[in-house]
Amino acid sequence: MSTNNIVANVETKFLCRHRQIRKLSHFLKLNDIHNIILNGPKSTGKTCITKMLLDQFEYIYLWFDMINLDNSNRFFYDKILQQFKDYLNEKFSNTDNDGDDDDSEFVSKKCLNPIQFIDYMIKLLQIYRQKTSLHDNNKIIIVIDNADILIEENNENLIYLLNNLDQLTGHICPITVIWIFKHHLERLFRLTTDFKMNALQISFEPYEQEELFQLLTQSSLLPKNDTHKLYRTFVNLILKTLTPFENDFPNLNFICHKYFEKYTTPLNDDEIALYNKSGHLYVKFQPYLQEIMDQISGMVINGLNKNVRQFIESMSPSLCYTYVSAYLATYNSTKTDIRFFVRNQRNNRSKKSMNIKDNEIKCPKWFELERSYHIYRAIIDLNEKDYDLRMNLLINDDCEFLRQMANLYDSKILSSKSTQQQWSCSGDSKFQLSQVITDDMILDISSKIDLDINAFLVHRIERSNKQIQL
């Protein structure tokens, strides 16, 4: 299939992204381009378009989602080498194996530092180049998805290594690194001031209202029960009302399909002839529209309504600790857990020795359920002065913690990286506390259990001027 046909095929599957698709396909052809940055908010097509183009053009690529990888650079080096080696074994399993007996020996060793990683990578690239000497295209592409995590962890060393990987490996084969960011570009360039990061950038802007309408009304998404051909009118109403609150395509698509039946319900009313059809539908649908807006804006969440202070006052100690553990896991990095908890598990539990960084930037991070559970147990053990209550929370409330986390997920207070709608506590699941849980609310929850939340945070939070309404 020709290049133009491939690009046209991808464009038919990803509407309103023609410019980004053509730019990326053009950049991928250039062997002297070693870094490409894709930047834009979630659900704008960055990951899906990249995967499809790489598959359609049959490029050799190694894909790494930083959310699913350990924070240690050493393990990341091993992942790159192992994935590259697996590709070589799969690609050339039927070819002559002469001279390959020593290939696995050096890769099986653990990569302890960047120098070893470069040495091993050069050996693999030399093997790859020998086996592909008859092929025109021996370019290798490394994709770093959710690269924002590297910025959040200030991982300048890994960024430098990947940025200069083609040069460090002696240009044996052309190597291009694709960085996929949701935000943090300004912090990236501040972090890389010590070295020059030459990268071409492609912006995936949020969809405009007209583009969202085109996406939501494409033939594959039209509901089968649209007997009155009202779906386009309904989508237009949803977008005009909700776009100031929500412009995420998957979320809007979910809302449209969930509420369309409620929108058309008045058509079954015998008195419909007495009203203007569109006006009657709008009036009947208004309460649902207000419900959607309240949920999106965070004013009303299942289990957490406008009487926030009353809700906090009714919280059990276990639920308070659950909220706090999710907050700490969201806004602290994994590196700080040892600093705040493990070092203070001895008899001396003084928090005064902790070095708090007041000027550290606050940004949400994804965490594993197991990590939040360990934080949950640690803060109970450090903070709860009532011995009987502490023992009860630590020994008997394991299932209670999971049940409460599941309720937070069902209430949209806890968001998941997974695309599945149902609660899952598998090892691959990543979670994040919703930003509708404000610093003021966390301070109130912490006060209820007599916990100094700032003693466990790398950034300091203060109460805002706004008071929670009774």
Protein backbone atom coordinates (compact mmCIF):
# COMPACT_ATOMS: atom_id res chain seq x y z
CA MET A 1 0.00 0.00 0.00
CA SER A 2 1.36 3.42 -0.94
CA THR A 3 2.12 6.13 1.61
CA ASN A 4 -0.79 8.29 0.47
CA ASN A 5 -3.21 5.37 0.77
CA ILE A 6 -1.99 4.55 4.27
CA VAL A 7 -2.38 8.15 5.42
CA ALA A 8 -5.83 8.36 3.85
CA ASN A 9 -6.86 5.13 5.58
CA VAL A 10 -5.76 6.44 8.99
CA GLU A 11 -7.53 9.76 8.37
CA THR A 12 -10.84 7.97 7.76
CA LYS A 13 -10.56 6.32 11.19
CA PHE A 14 -9.52 9.48 13.06
CA LEU A 15 -11.65 12.40 11.98
CA CYS A 16 -10.52 15.99 12.52
CA ARG A 17 -6.89 14.94 12.89
CA HIS A 18 -5.69 15.26 9.27
CA ARG A 19 -2.92 17.77 10.02
CA GLN A 20 -1.43 15.75 12.89
CA ILE A 21 -1.56 12.47 10.92
CA ARG A 22 0.20 13.93 7.89
CA LYS A 23 2.83 15.66 10.01
CA LEU A 24 3.64 12.52 11.97
CA SER A 25 3.79 10.32 8.87
CA HIS A 26 6.19 12.81 7.25
CA PHE A 27 8.43 13.08 10.33
CA LEU A 28 8.66 9.29 10.60
CA LYS A 29 10.22 9.08 7.14
CA LEU A 30 13.12 11.36 8.10
CA ASN A 31 16.11 9.40 9.41
CA ASP A 32 17.84 12.53 10.73
CA ILE A 33 14.95 13.27 13.13
CA HIS A 34 15.73 11.62 16.47
CA ASN A 35 13.04 13.10 18.76
CA ILE A 36 9.35 13.79 18.11
CA ILE A 37 7.10 15.27 20.80
CA LEU A 38 3.34 14.68 20.67
CA ASN A 39 1.62 17.02 23.08
CA GLY A 40 -2.05 17.42 23.98
CA PRO A 41 -4.70 16.59 26.59
CA LYS A 42 -6.08 13.08 27.00
CA SER A 43 -8.42 11.56 24.42
CA THR A 44 -7.13 13.66 21.51
CA GLY A 45 -5.77 10.73 19.48
CA LYS A 46 -2.04 10.82 20.27
CA THR A 47 -1.58 7.19 21.30
CA CYS A 48 -4.05 5.54 18.89
CA ILE A 49 -2.85 7.49 15.83
CA THR A 50 0.80 6.75 16.63
CA LYS A 51 0.16 3.02 17.00
CA MET A 52 -1.85 2.79 13.82
CA LEU A 53 0.71 4.69 11.73
CA LEU A 54 3.57 2.57 13.05
CA ASP A 55 1.66 -0.63 12.31
CA GLN A 56 0.53 0.49 8.86
CA PHE A 57 4.04 1.55 7.82
CA GLU A 58 5.46 -1.63 9.42
CA TYR A 59 8.08 0.25 11.41
CA ILE A 60 10.13 -1.53 14.04
CA TYR A 61 9.02 0.04 17.31
CA LEU A 62 9.36 -0.57 21.04
CA TRP A 63 6.47 0.80 23.10
CA PHE A 64 6.76 1.76 26.76
CA ASP A 65 3.94 3.14 28.91
CA MET A 66 5.66 4.82 31.84
CA ILE A 67 2.63 4.23 34.08
CA ASN A 68 3.19 0.47 33.96
CA LEU A 69 6.96 0.59 34.50
CA ASP A 70 8.98 0.74 37.69
CA ASN A 71 10.46 4.10 38.62
CA SER A 72 13.97 2.63 38.62
CA ASN A 73 15.96 3.51 35.48
CA ARG A 74 17.79 0.20 35.75
CA PHE A 75 14.59 -1.79 35.26
CA PHE A 76 13.64 0.45 32.37
CA TYR A 77 16.96 -0.28 30.65
CA ASP A 78 16.31 -4.00 31.07
CA LYS A 79 12.83 -3.59 29.57
CA ILE A 80 14.21 -1.90 26.44
CA LEU A 81 16.90 -4.53 25.94
CA GLN A 82 14.53 -7.44 26.58
CA GLN A 83 11.85 -6.10 24.25
CA PHE A 84 14.41 -5.49 21.51
CA LYS A 85 15.86 -8.96 21.96
CA ASP A 86 12.37 -10.56 21.87
CA TYR A 87 11.72 -8.75 18.60
CA LEU A 88 14.97 -10.06 17.10
CA ASN A 89 14.14 -13.61 18.18
CA GLU A 90 10.63 -13.39 16.71
CA LYS A 91 11.64 -11.61 13.49
CA PHE A 92 14.61 -13.79 12.63
CA SER A 93 13.68 -17.10 14.28
CA ASN A 94 13.74 -18.90 10.92
CA THR A 95 16.99 -17.37 9.71
CA ASP A 96 20.50 -18.70 10.05
CA ASN A 97 21.60 -18.64 13.69
CA ASP A 98 25.32 -18.91 13.02
CA GLY A 99 27.27 -16.59 15.24
CA ASP A 100 24.30 -15.89 17.52
CA ASP A 101 25.22 -18.23 20.35
CA ASP A 102 26.60 -15.41 22.44
CA ASP A 103 23.68 -13.03 21.84
CA SER A 104 21.65 -14.07 24.84
CA GLU A 105 24.53 -14.19 27.30
CA PHE A 106 25.07 -10.45 27.66
CA VAL A 107 21.36 -9.60 27.54
CA SER A 108 20.56 -12.05 30.33
CA LYS A 109 22.81 -10.06 32.66
CA LYS A 110 21.26 -7.26 34.66
CA CYS A 111 21.90 -3.77 33.36
CA LEU A 112 23.25 -1.80 36.32
CA ASN A 113 23.99 1.60 34.81
CA PRO A 114 23.62 3.69 31.63
CA ILE A 115 27.08 2.72 30.35
CA GLN A 116 26.22 -0.98 30.41
CA PHE A 117 22.89 -0.23 28.76
CA ILE A 118 24.58 1.60 25.87
CA ASP A 119 27.12 -1.23 25.46
CA TYR A 120 24.39 -3.88 25.33
CA MET A 121 22.26 -1.75 23.03
CA ILE A 122 25.18 -1.33 20.59
CA LYS A 123 25.63 -5.11 20.44
CA LEU A 124 21.94 -5.66 19.72
CA LEU A 125 21.95 -2.94 17.06
CA GLN A 126 24.95 -4.53 15.37
CA ILE A 127 23.14 -7.89 15.29
CA TYR A 128 20.02 -6.19 13.95
CA ARG A 129 21.98 -4.34 11.25
CA GLN A 130 23.67 -7.55 10.09
CA LYS A 131 20.37 -9.35 9.79
CA THR A 132 18.66 -6.46 7.97
CA SER A 133 21.49 -5.55 5.64
CA LEU A 134 19.36 -6.44 2.64
CA HIS A 135 16.41 -4.35 3.83
CA ASP A 136 16.02 -0.69 2.89
CA ASN A 137 14.44 0.44 6.14
CA ASN A 138 16.19 -0.59 9.38
CA LYS A 139 14.98 2.35 11.47
CA ILE A 140 14.04 1.73 15.10
CA ILE A 141 11.40 3.77 16.92
CA ILE A 142 11.05 3.95 20.70
CA VAL A 143 7.74 5.32 21.99
CA ILE A 144 7.57 6.76 25.51
CA ASP A 145 3.87 7.03 26.38
CA ASN A 146 2.78 9.07 29.42
CA ALA A 147 6.20 10.72 29.42
CA ASP A 148 4.86 13.28 31.91
CA ILE A 149 5.86 10.84 34.65
CA LEU A 150 9.53 11.39 33.82
CA ILE A 151 8.99 15.11 34.36
CA GLU A 152 7.08 14.59 37.61
CA GLU A 153 9.95 12.44 38.90
CA ASN A 154 12.58 14.93 37.62
CA ASN A 155 14.24 12.03 35.80
CA GLU A 156 16.73 14.15 33.88
CA ASN A 157 19.21 11.28 33.41
CA LEU A 158 16.78 9.04 31.53
CA ILE A 159 15.51 11.95 29.42
CA TYR A 160 19.09 12.82 28.45
CA LEU A 161 19.93 9.21 27.55
CA LEU A 162 16.85 8.70 25.36
CA ASN A 163 17.22 12.12 23.77
CA ASN A 164 20.77 11.26 22.62
CA LEU A 165 20.35 7.50 22.12
CA ASP A 166 21.07 7.61 18.38
CA GLN A 167 24.32 9.49 18.97
CA LEU A 168 25.38 7.43 22.00
CA THR A 169 25.00 4.19 20.02
CA GLY A 170 27.19 5.49 17.19
CA HIS A 171 24.44 5.90 14.55
CA ILE A 172 24.53 2.15 13.85
CA CYS A 173 20.84 2.27 12.94
CA PRO A 174 18.59 5.33 12.82
CA ILE A 175 16.75 5.67 16.17
CA THR A 176 13.77 7.97 16.71
CA VAL A 177 12.17 8.52 20.12
CA ILE A 178 8.51 9.58 20.18
CA TRP A 179 7.55 11.33 23.41
CA ILE A 180 3.82 11.45 24.23
CA PHE A 181 2.94 14.19 26.73
CA LYS A 182 -0.36 15.39 28.12
CA HIS A 183 1.17 18.50 29.71
CA HIS A 184 4.36 19.57 31.48
CA LEU A 185 6.15 20.74 28.30
CA GLU A 186 7.34 23.91 29.99
CA ARG A 187 8.77 21.87 32.84
CA LEU A 188 10.43 19.56 30.29
CA PHE A 189 12.34 22.39 28.67
CA ARG A 190 13.29 23.82 32.09
CA LEU A 191 14.52 20.38 33.12
CA THR A 192 16.65 20.00 29.97
CA THR A 193 18.42 23.37 30.15
CA ASP A 194 21.75 21.59 30.75
CA PHE A 195 21.54 19.88 27.37
CA LYS A 196 19.87 20.77 24.12
CA MET A 197 16.78 18.73 23.24
CA ASN A 198 16.23 18.94 19.51
CA ALA A 199 12.72 17.71 18.87
CA LEU A 200 9.95 18.32 16.38
CA GLN A 201 6.64 18.97 18.09
CA ILE A 202 3.10 18.06 16.99
CA SER A 203 0.25 19.56 19.00
CA PHE A 204 -2.99 17.64 19.46
CA GLU A 205 -5.32 20.45 20.45
CA PRO A 206 -8.63 19.77 22.23
CA TYR A 207 -11.50 19.20 19.81
CA GLU A 208 -13.58 22.24 18.97
CA GLN A 209 -17.36 22.05 19.35
CA GLU A 210 -17.88 21.56 15.60
CA GLU A 211 -15.28 18.77 15.56
CA LEU A 212 -16.89 17.06 18.56
CA PHE A 213 -20.23 17.18 16.77
CA GLN A 214 -18.68 15.52 13.72
CA LEU A 215 -17.08 12.83 15.89
CA LEU A 216 -20.18 12.12 17.97
CA THR A 217 -22.49 11.86 14.97
CA GLN A 218 -20.33 9.63 12.78
CA SER A 219 -22.26 6.63 11.48
CA SER A 220 -20.54 4.07 13.73
CA LEU A 221 -21.71 5.89 16.89
CA LEU A 222 -25.34 6.57 15.97
CA PRO A 223 -27.79 4.74 18.26
CA LYS A 224 -29.96 2.06 16.67
CA ASN A 225 -33.12 3.29 18.44
CA ASP A 226 -33.02 6.76 16.84
CA THR A 227 -36.32 6.22 15.05
CA HIS A 228 -37.16 9.92 15.01
CA LYS A 229 -33.73 11.04 13.68
CA LEU A 230 -33.31 13.21 16.75
CA TYR A 231 -29.80 12.19 17.76
CA ARG A 232 -28.03 14.99 15.88
CA THR A 233 -30.31 17.57 17.53
CA PHE A 234 -29.70 15.92 20.89
CA VAL A 235 -25.88 15.95 20.44
CA ASN A 236 -26.01 19.61 19.43
CA LEU A 237 -27.94 20.41 22.64
CA ILE A 238 -25.46 18.44 24.76
CA LEU A 239 -22.44 20.17 23.22
CA LYS A 240 -23.85 23.68 23.50
CA THR A 241 -24.61 23.09 27.16
CA LEU A 242 -21.67 20.97 28.34
CA THR A 243 -18.68 22.12 26.27
CA PRO A 244 -17.75 24.81 28.85
CA PHE A 245 -17.57 22.03 31.46
CA GLU A 246 -16.41 19.00 29.47
CA ASN A 247 -14.69 18.60 26.08
CA ASP A 248 -13.37 15.06 26.44
CA PHE A 249 -14.70 13.01 23.51
CA PRO A 250 -15.09 9.59 25.26
CA ASN A 251 -16.87 11.23 28.22
CA LEU A 252 -19.25 13.15 25.96
CA ASN A 253 -19.93 10.03 23.90
CA PHE A 254 -20.77 8.14 27.11
CA ILE A 255 -23.09 10.95 28.26
CA CYS A 256 -24.88 11.13 24.90
CA HIS A 257 -25.63 7.41 24.74
CA LYS A 258 -26.54 7.17 28.41
CA TYR A 259 -29.11 9.99 28.35
CA PHE A 260 -30.52 9.78 24.81
CA GLU A 261 -33.30 7.41 25.84
CA LYS A 262 -34.32 9.81 28.64
CA TYR A 263 -34.34 12.64 26.11
CA THR A 264 -36.73 10.83 23.75
CA THR A 265 -39.01 9.40 26.47
CA PRO A 266 -41.56 12.27 26.21
CA LEU A 267 -42.26 11.26 22.58
CA ASN A 268 -44.32 8.41 23.98
CA ASP A 269 -46.55 10.89 25.77
CA ASP A 270 -50.07 11.06 24.30
CA GLU A 271 -50.09 14.82 24.79
CA ILE A 272 -47.05 15.40 22.58
CA ALA A 273 -49.23 16.90 19.86
CA LEU A 274 -50.11 19.80 22.14
CA TYR A 275 -46.51 20.95 22.29
CA ASN A 276 -43.77 21.95 19.95
CA LYS A 277 -41.80 18.71 19.69
CA SER A 278 -38.27 20.12 20.19
CA GLY A 279 -39.33 22.49 22.94
CA HIS A 280 -41.22 19.78 24.78
CA LEU A 281 -38.24 17.46 24.69
CA TYR A 282 -35.93 20.17 25.96
CA VAL A 283 -38.19 21.08 28.89
CA LYS A 284 -38.55 17.45 29.93
CA PHE A 285 -34.81 16.85 29.63
CA GLN A 286 -33.68 19.92 31.59
CA PRO A 287 -33.48 18.16 35.01
CA TYR A 288 -31.15 15.50 33.56
CA LEU A 289 -29.04 18.21 31.93
CA GLN A 290 -28.65 19.97 35.26
CA GLU A 291 -27.74 16.67 36.89
CA ILE A 292 -24.97 16.12 34.32
CA MET A 293 -23.59 19.65 34.79
CA ASP A 294 -23.57 19.30 38.57
CA GLN A 295 -21.67 16.03 38.37
CA ILE A 296 -19.11 17.38 35.88
CA SER A 297 -18.48 20.55 37.87
CA GLY A 298 -17.99 18.52 41.05
CA MET A 299 -20.91 20.17 42.86
CA VAL A 300 -22.74 16.88 43.20
CA ILE A 301 -21.07 13.48 43.34
CA ASN A 302 -22.66 10.24 44.39
CA GLY A 303 -21.95 10.04 48.12
CA LEU A 304 -20.61 13.59 48.34
CA ASN A 305 -23.20 16.34 47.92
CA LYS A 306 -23.28 20.08 48.65
CA ASN A 307 -23.39 19.45 52.42
CA VAL A 308 -19.71 18.58 52.38
CA ARG A 309 -19.00 19.49 55.98
CA GLN A 310 -21.91 17.36 57.22
CA PHE A 311 -20.64 14.48 55.11
CA ILE A 312 -17.13 14.83 56.60
CA GLU A 313 -18.52 14.94 60.12
CA SER A 314 -20.33 11.65 59.50
CA MET A 315 -17.22 9.89 58.17
CA SER A 316 -15.88 6.87 60.01
CA PRO A 317 -12.16 6.92 60.98
CA SER A 318 -11.50 4.20 58.42
CA LEU A 319 -13.05 6.28 55.63
CA CYS A 320 -11.06 9.35 56.72
CA TYR A 321 -7.82 7.39 56.53
CA THR A 322 -8.87 6.03 53.13
CA TYR A 323 -9.31 9.55 51.73
CA VAL A 324 -6.00 10.69 53.19
CA SER A 325 -4.09 7.66 51.86
CA ALA A 326 -5.50 8.21 48.36
CA TYR A 327 -4.57 11.90 48.56
CA LEU A 328 -1.00 11.15 49.67
CA ALA A 329 -0.58 8.50 46.99
CA THR A 330 -1.87 10.97 44.36
CA TYR A 331 0.29 13.95 45.29
CA ASN A 332 3.44 12.29 46.67
CA SER A 333 5.93 10.35 44.57
CA THR A 334 6.85 6.78 45.47
CA LYS A 335 10.34 7.94 46.45
CA THR A 336 8.92 9.91 49.38
CA ASP A 337 7.15 6.93 50.97
CA ILE A 338 10.35 5.68 52.58
CA ARG A 339 11.14 9.16 53.78
CA PHE A 340 7.77 9.67 55.44
CA PHE A 341 6.87 6.18 56.63
CA VAL A 342 9.54 3.47 56.64
CA ARG A 343 12.17 5.58 58.41
CA ASN A 344 9.63 6.55 61.05
CA GLN A 345 8.28 3.09 61.85
CA ARG A 346 10.76 2.67 64.67
CA ASN A 347 10.16 3.68 68.28
CA ASN A 348 11.05 7.30 67.54
CA ARG A 349 8.09 8.52 65.54
CA SER A 350 8.89 12.21 65.59
CA LYS A 351 7.84 13.99 62.40
CA LYS A 352 9.98 17.07 63.13
CA SER A 353 13.02 15.52 61.45
CA MET A 354 11.23 15.29 58.11
CA ASN A 355 12.53 17.69 55.51
CA ILE A 356 9.42 19.24 53.94
CA LYS A 357 9.86 21.07 50.65
CA ASP A 358 7.39 23.94 50.71
CA ASN A 359 8.19 25.09 47.18
CA GLU A 360 7.68 21.73 45.48
CA ILE A 361 5.12 21.77 42.69
CA LYS A 362 1.87 19.98 43.44
CA CYS A 363 0.72 17.71 40.62
CA PRO A 364 -1.44 14.55 40.62
CA LYS A 365 0.19 11.18 39.96
CA TRP A 366 -1.18 7.71 39.25
CA PHE A 367 -0.73 5.11 41.97
CA GLU A 368 -1.28 1.40 42.50
CA LEU A 369 -3.89 0.18 44.96
CA GLU A 370 -1.28 -1.74 46.95
CA ARG A 371 0.74 1.44 47.51
CA SER A 372 -2.26 3.37 48.85
CA TYR A 373 -3.05 0.44 51.15
CA HIS A 374 0.46 0.52 52.64
CA ILE A 375 0.13 4.29 53.15
CA TYR A 376 -3.28 3.69 54.76
CA ARG A 377 -1.79 1.27 57.29
CA ALA A 378 1.28 3.45 57.90
CA ILE A 379 -0.60 6.63 58.75
CA ILE A 380 -2.95 4.70 61.05
CA ASP A 381 0.03 3.18 62.86
CA LEU A 382 1.78 6.56 63.12
CA ASN A 383 -1.20 8.73 63.95
CA GLU A 384 -3.91 6.79 65.82
CA LYS A 385 -3.40 7.19 69.56
CA ASP A 386 -6.32 4.98 70.61
CA TYR A 387 -4.70 1.55 70.84
CA ASP A 388 -7.93 -0.45 70.48
CA LEU A 389 -9.08 1.59 67.49
CA ARG A 390 -5.66 1.32 65.87
CA MET A 391 -5.56 -2.45 66.26
CA ASN A 392 -9.10 -2.75 64.93
CA LEU A 393 -8.27 -0.64 61.87
CA LEU A 394 -5.02 -2.47 61.18
CA ILE A 395 -6.27 -6.02 61.71
CA ASN A 396 -9.94 -6.09 60.76
CA ASP A 397 -10.41 -3.40 58.13
CA ASP A 398 -8.53 -4.82 55.11
CA CYS A 399 -11.77 -5.69 53.32
CA GLU A 400 -13.30 -2.41 54.50
CA PHE A 401 -10.47 -0.47 52.82
CA LEU A 402 -11.07 -2.24 49.49
CA ARG A 403 -14.83 -1.71 49.77
CA GLN A 404 -14.37 2.00 50.42
CA MET A 405 -11.92 2.40 47.53
CA ALA A 406 -14.43 0.65 45.26
CA ASN A 407 -17.14 3.06 46.42
CA LEU A 408 -14.87 6.04 45.69
CA TYR A 409 -14.29 4.64 42.20
CA ASP A 410 -18.02 4.11 41.58
CA SER A 411 -18.66 7.68 42.75
CA LYS A 412 -16.07 9.11 40.31
CA ILE A 413 -14.08 10.41 43.29
CA LEU A 414 -11.34 7.95 42.35
CA SER A 415 -10.42 7.87 38.68
CA SER A 416 -8.73 4.96 36.94
CA LYS A 417 -6.17 4.82 34.16
CA SER A 418 -7.91 1.72 32.82
CA THR A 419 -10.49 2.15 30.06
CA GLN A 420 -12.86 -0.40 31.61
CA GLN A 421 -15.88 0.98 33.44
CA GLN A 422 -16.03 -1.59 36.25
CA TRP A 423 -13.97 -1.55 39.44
CA SER A 424 -10.77 -3.57 39.24
CA CYS A 425 -8.06 -3.97 41.88
CA SER A 426 -5.66 -5.97 39.69
CA GLY A 427 -1.94 -5.25 39.76
CA ASP A 428 -2.09 -3.39 36.44
CA SER A 429 -4.72 -0.91 37.65
CA LYS A 430 -3.67 2.69 38.30
CA PHE A 431 -5.74 5.21 40.25
CA GLN A 432 -5.82 8.91 41.05
CA LEU A 433 -7.92 10.97 43.45
CA SER A 434 -10.22 13.36 41.63
CA GLN A 435 -9.41 17.06 41.89
CA VAL A 436 -12.96 17.72 43.12
CA ILE A 437 -11.53 16.64 46.49
CA THR A 438 -9.99 19.98 47.36
CA ASP A 439 -7.21 20.83 49.82
CA ASP A 440 -9.80 22.35 52.15
CA MET A 441 -11.74 19.09 52.24
CA ILE A 442 -8.60 17.05 52.93
CA LEU A 443 -7.63 19.46 55.72
CA ASP A 444 -11.09 19.01 57.28
CA ILE A 445 -10.91 15.21 56.94
CA SER A 446 -7.43 15.20 58.48
CA SER A 447 -8.61 17.37 61.36
CA LYS A 448 -11.37 14.91 62.15
CA ILE A 449 -8.78 12.19 62.85
CA ASP A 450 -6.31 14.67 64.42
CA LEU A 451 -3.75 14.16 61.62
CA ASP A 452 -1.21 16.77 60.52
CA ILE A 453 -1.47 16.13 56.77
CA ASN A 454 1.38 18.52 55.96
CA ALA A 455 3.78 16.31 57.91
CA PHE A 456 3.37 13.69 55.18
CA LEU A 457 3.40 15.87 52.04
CA VAL A 458 6.28 17.07 49.86
CA HIS A 459 4.25 20.21 49.18
CA ARG A 460 2.46 22.25 51.82
CA ILE A 461 -1.27 22.89 51.55
CA GLU A 462 -3.06 25.82 53.15
CA ARG A 463 -6.71 26.53 53.66
CA SER A 464 -8.15 28.78 50.97
CA ASN A 465 -10.29 31.83 51.62
CA LYS A 466 -13.35 29.92 50.42
CA GLN A 467 -15.17 28.11 53.17
CA ILE A 468 -17.12 24.95 52.59
CA GLN A 469 -20.79 25.79 52.44
CA LEU A 470 -23.05 24.20 54.99
